[in-house]
Amino acid sequence: MNNSEKWKRILEINKLLAGTLNMDEVLSTLVYSAKNLILNADISIIYLYDESSNSLKYAFGSGIEEEYLKEIFFL
């Protein structure tokens, strides 16, 4: 994928993200799009900040067993 195609895909992703308020849909779009844009990416993961624990916690991922990631967090 050349740079022009990448920018076109990023603009398409932006339109998709702007069209929804559903957090699960936003996270899913981001994860799968990032995985497709980055060559040789087998795994794509998003962590979100959790104020109550002051840490990053697993939110959505692709290419890995989710049950393991739900127990992992970063301080």
N, C-alpha and C. Protein backbone atom coordinates (compact mmCIF):
# COMPACT_ATOMS: atom_id res chain seq x y z
N MET A 1 0.85 -1.17 0.00
CA MET A 1 0.00 0.00 0.00
C MET A 1 0.90 1.24 0.00
N ASN A 2 0.71 2.10 -0.98
CA ASN A 2 1.54 3.31 -1.04
C ASN A 2 0.94 4.40 -0.15
N ASN A 3 1.68 5.50 -0.02
CA ASN A 3 1.26 6.58 0.89
C ASN A 3 -0.09 7.18 0.51
N SER A 4 -0.35 7.33 -0.78
CA SER A 4 -1.62 7.88 -1.23
C SER A 4 -2.78 6.99 -0.80
N GLU A 5 -2.61 5.68 -0.95
CA GLU A 5 -3.65 4.74 -0.54
C GLU A 5 -3.85 4.76 0.97
N LYS A 6 -2.74 4.90 1.72
CA LYS A 6 -2.84 4.97 3.18
C LYS A 6 -3.63 6.20 3.61
N TRP A 7 -3.33 7.34 3.02
CA TRP A 7 -4.04 8.57 3.39
C TRP A 7 -5.52 8.48 3.01
N LYS A 8 -5.81 7.87 1.87
CA LYS A 8 -7.20 7.68 1.47
C LYS A 8 -7.92 6.80 2.49
N ARG A 9 -7.27 5.74 2.93
CA ARG A 9 -7.86 4.84 3.93
C ARG A 9 -8.05 5.56 5.27
N ILE A 10 -7.10 6.38 5.66
CA ILE A 10 -7.21 7.14 6.91
C ILE A 10 -8.40 8.10 6.85
N LEU A 11 -8.61 8.74 5.72
CA LEU A 11 -9.77 9.64 5.58
C LEU A 11 -11.07 8.85 5.65
N GLU A 12 -11.11 7.66 5.07
CA GLU A 12 -12.30 6.81 5.16
C GLU A 12 -12.57 6.41 6.61
N ILE A 13 -11.50 6.08 7.33
CA ILE A 13 -11.64 5.72 8.75
C ILE A 13 -12.17 6.89 9.53
N ASN A 14 -11.66 8.08 9.25
CA ASN A 14 -12.11 9.30 9.93
C ASN A 14 -13.61 9.50 9.74
N LYS A 15 -14.10 9.29 8.52
CA LYS A 15 -15.54 9.43 8.25
C LYS A 15 -16.35 8.41 9.04
N LEU A 16 -15.86 7.18 9.10
CA LEU A 16 -16.55 6.14 9.86
C LEU A 16 -16.61 6.50 11.35
N LEU A 17 -15.49 6.97 11.88
CA LEU A 17 -15.44 7.32 13.30
C LEU A 17 -16.33 8.52 13.63
N ALA A 18 -16.38 9.48 12.71
CA ALA A 18 -17.20 10.67 12.93
C ALA A 18 -18.70 10.36 12.86
N GLY A 19 -19.03 9.22 12.26
CA GLY A 19 -20.43 8.87 12.07
C GLY A 19 -21.06 8.05 13.19
N THR A 20 -20.32 7.80 14.28
CA THR A 20 -20.89 7.00 15.35
C THR A 20 -20.46 7.50 16.72
N LEU A 21 -21.32 7.28 17.69
CA LEU A 21 -20.99 7.57 19.09
C LEU A 21 -20.83 6.29 19.89
N ASN A 22 -20.97 5.16 19.22
CA ASN A 22 -20.88 3.86 19.87
C ASN A 22 -19.40 3.52 20.12
N MET A 23 -19.00 3.46 21.40
CA MET A 23 -17.60 3.23 21.75
C MET A 23 -17.08 1.91 21.22
N ASP A 24 -17.87 0.84 21.28
CA ASP A 24 -17.42 -0.46 20.77
C ASP A 24 -17.15 -0.41 19.27
N GLU A 25 -18.00 0.30 18.55
CA GLU A 25 -17.81 0.44 17.11
C GLU A 25 -16.56 1.26 16.79
N VAL A 26 -16.34 2.33 17.55
CA VAL A 26 -15.15 3.16 17.36
C VAL A 26 -13.88 2.35 17.61
N LEU A 27 -13.84 1.63 18.73
CA LEU A 27 -12.66 0.83 19.07
C LEU A 27 -12.41 -0.27 18.04
N SER A 28 -13.47 -0.93 17.62
CA SER A 28 -13.35 -1.98 16.61
C SER A 28 -12.80 -1.42 15.30
N THR A 29 -13.35 -0.30 14.86
CA THR A 29 -12.88 0.34 13.63
C THR A 29 -11.41 0.71 13.74
N LEU A 30 -11.02 1.30 14.86
CA LEU A 30 -9.61 1.69 15.05
C LEU A 30 -8.67 0.49 15.03
N VAL A 31 -9.03 -0.56 15.74
CA VAL A 31 -8.16 -1.74 15.84
C VAL A 31 -7.99 -2.41 14.49
N TYR A 32 -9.09 -2.69 13.81
CA TYR A 32 -8.98 -3.40 12.53
C TYR A 32 -8.34 -2.53 11.45
N SER A 33 -8.61 -1.23 11.48
CA SER A 33 -8.01 -0.33 10.50
C SER A 33 -6.51 -0.20 10.72
N ALA A 34 -6.10 -0.07 11.98
CA ALA A 34 -4.67 0.04 12.28
C ALA A 34 -3.95 -1.24 11.84
N LYS A 35 -4.56 -2.37 12.10
CA LYS A 35 -3.97 -3.65 11.73
C LYS A 35 -3.80 -3.75 10.21
N ASN A 36 -4.75 -3.22 9.46
CA ASN A 36 -4.67 -3.26 7.99
C ASN A 36 -3.69 -2.24 7.43
N LEU A 37 -3.51 -1.13 8.12
CA LEU A 37 -2.61 -0.08 7.64
C LEU A 37 -1.14 -0.37 7.93
N ILE A 38 -0.89 -1.10 8.99
CA ILE A 38 0.49 -1.37 9.39
C ILE A 38 0.91 -2.72 8.82
N LEU A 39 1.90 -2.69 7.95
CA LEU A 39 2.37 -3.93 7.34
C LEU A 39 2.93 -4.88 8.40
N ASN A 40 2.65 -6.14 8.24
CA ASN A 40 3.15 -7.21 9.11
C ASN A 40 2.62 -7.14 10.53
N ALA A 41 1.52 -6.43 10.75
CA ALA A 41 0.92 -6.38 12.10
C ALA A 41 -0.01 -7.58 12.26
N ASP A 42 0.32 -8.45 13.20
CA ASP A 42 -0.52 -9.60 13.48
C ASP A 42 -1.50 -9.31 14.60
N ILE A 43 -1.12 -8.38 15.46
CA ILE A 43 -1.92 -8.05 16.64
C ILE A 43 -2.10 -6.54 16.72
N SER A 44 -3.29 -6.13 17.10
CA SER A 44 -3.59 -4.72 17.31
C SER A 44 -4.42 -4.61 18.59
N ILE A 45 -4.01 -3.74 19.52
CA ILE A 45 -4.67 -3.64 20.82
C ILE A 45 -4.84 -2.17 21.21
N ILE A 46 -5.97 -1.86 21.82
CA ILE A 46 -6.20 -0.53 22.37
C ILE A 46 -6.41 -0.66 23.88
N TYR A 47 -5.70 0.18 24.61
CA TYR A 47 -5.88 0.29 26.06
C TYR A 47 -6.48 1.66 26.33
N LEU A 48 -7.39 1.75 27.29
CA LEU A 48 -7.98 3.02 27.68
C LEU A 48 -7.63 3.33 29.13
N TYR A 49 -7.53 4.61 29.41
CA TYR A 49 -7.21 5.05 30.77
C TYR A 49 -8.41 4.86 31.68
N ASP A 50 -8.19 4.26 32.84
CA ASP A 50 -9.22 4.06 33.86
C ASP A 50 -8.89 4.95 35.05
N GLU A 51 -9.71 5.98 35.24
CA GLU A 51 -9.45 6.93 36.33
C GLU A 51 -9.50 6.29 37.70
N SER A 52 -10.41 5.34 37.90
CA SER A 52 -10.58 4.74 39.22
C SER A 52 -9.34 3.98 39.68
N SER A 53 -8.61 3.39 38.75
CA SER A 53 -7.41 2.64 39.11
C SER A 53 -6.13 3.35 38.67
N ASN A 54 -6.29 4.51 38.00
CA ASN A 54 -5.15 5.27 37.51
C ASN A 54 -4.23 4.39 36.66
N SER A 55 -4.84 3.62 35.74
CA SER A 55 -4.07 2.69 34.92
C SER A 55 -4.68 2.57 33.52
N LEU A 56 -3.92 1.97 32.62
CA LEU A 56 -4.42 1.65 31.29
C LEU A 56 -4.95 0.23 31.32
N LYS A 57 -6.16 0.04 30.82
CA LYS A 57 -6.77 -1.29 30.80
C LYS A 57 -7.18 -1.65 29.38
N TYR A 58 -7.14 -2.93 29.09
CA TYR A 58 -7.51 -3.45 27.78
C TYR A 58 -8.93 -3.01 27.43
N ALA A 59 -9.11 -2.53 26.18
CA ALA A 59 -10.44 -2.13 25.72
C ALA A 59 -10.89 -2.97 24.53
N PHE A 60 -9.98 -3.18 23.56
CA PHE A 60 -10.35 -3.94 22.36
C PHE A 60 -9.08 -4.41 21.67
N GLY A 61 -9.15 -5.58 21.03
CA GLY A 61 -7.98 -6.09 20.33
C GLY A 61 -8.34 -7.06 19.24
N SER A 62 -7.36 -7.33 18.40
CA SER A 62 -7.52 -8.27 17.30
C SER A 62 -6.23 -9.08 17.17
N GLY A 63 -6.38 -10.38 16.99
CA GLY A 63 -5.22 -11.23 16.76
C GLY A 63 -4.65 -11.85 18.02
N ILE A 64 -5.39 -11.78 19.12
CA ILE A 64 -4.90 -12.31 20.39
C ILE A 64 -6.10 -12.72 21.25
N GLU A 65 -5.87 -13.65 22.16
CA GLU A 65 -6.94 -14.12 23.04
C GLU A 65 -7.31 -13.02 24.04
N GLU A 66 -8.53 -12.53 23.96
CA GLU A 66 -8.95 -11.40 24.78
C GLU A 66 -9.02 -11.72 26.27
N GLU A 67 -9.36 -12.95 26.65
CA GLU A 67 -9.53 -13.23 28.07
C GLU A 67 -8.24 -13.01 28.86
N TYR A 68 -7.08 -13.20 28.21
CA TYR A 68 -5.80 -12.97 28.88
C TYR A 68 -5.54 -11.48 29.07
N LEU A 69 -5.92 -10.70 28.08
CA LEU A 69 -5.64 -9.26 28.12
C LEU A 69 -6.51 -8.51 29.12
N LYS A 70 -7.69 -9.01 29.40
CA LYS A 70 -8.59 -8.32 30.31
C LYS A 70 -8.04 -8.26 31.73
N GLU A 71 -7.10 -9.13 32.05
CA GLU A 71 -6.51 -9.16 33.38
C GLU A 71 -5.23 -8.31 33.48
N ILE A 72 -4.74 -7.83 32.35
CA ILE A 72 -3.50 -7.06 32.31
C ILE A 72 -3.82 -5.57 32.32
N PHE A 73 -3.08 -4.81 33.11
CA PHE A 73 -3.22 -3.36 33.09
C PHE A 73 -1.85 -2.75 33.35
N PHE A 74 -1.70 -1.49 32.97
CA PHE A 74 -0.44 -0.78 33.09
C PHE A 74 -0.63 0.44 33.98
N LEU A 75 0.24 0.57 34.96
CA LEU A 75 0.19 1.72 35.87
C LEU A 75 0.91 2.91 35.28
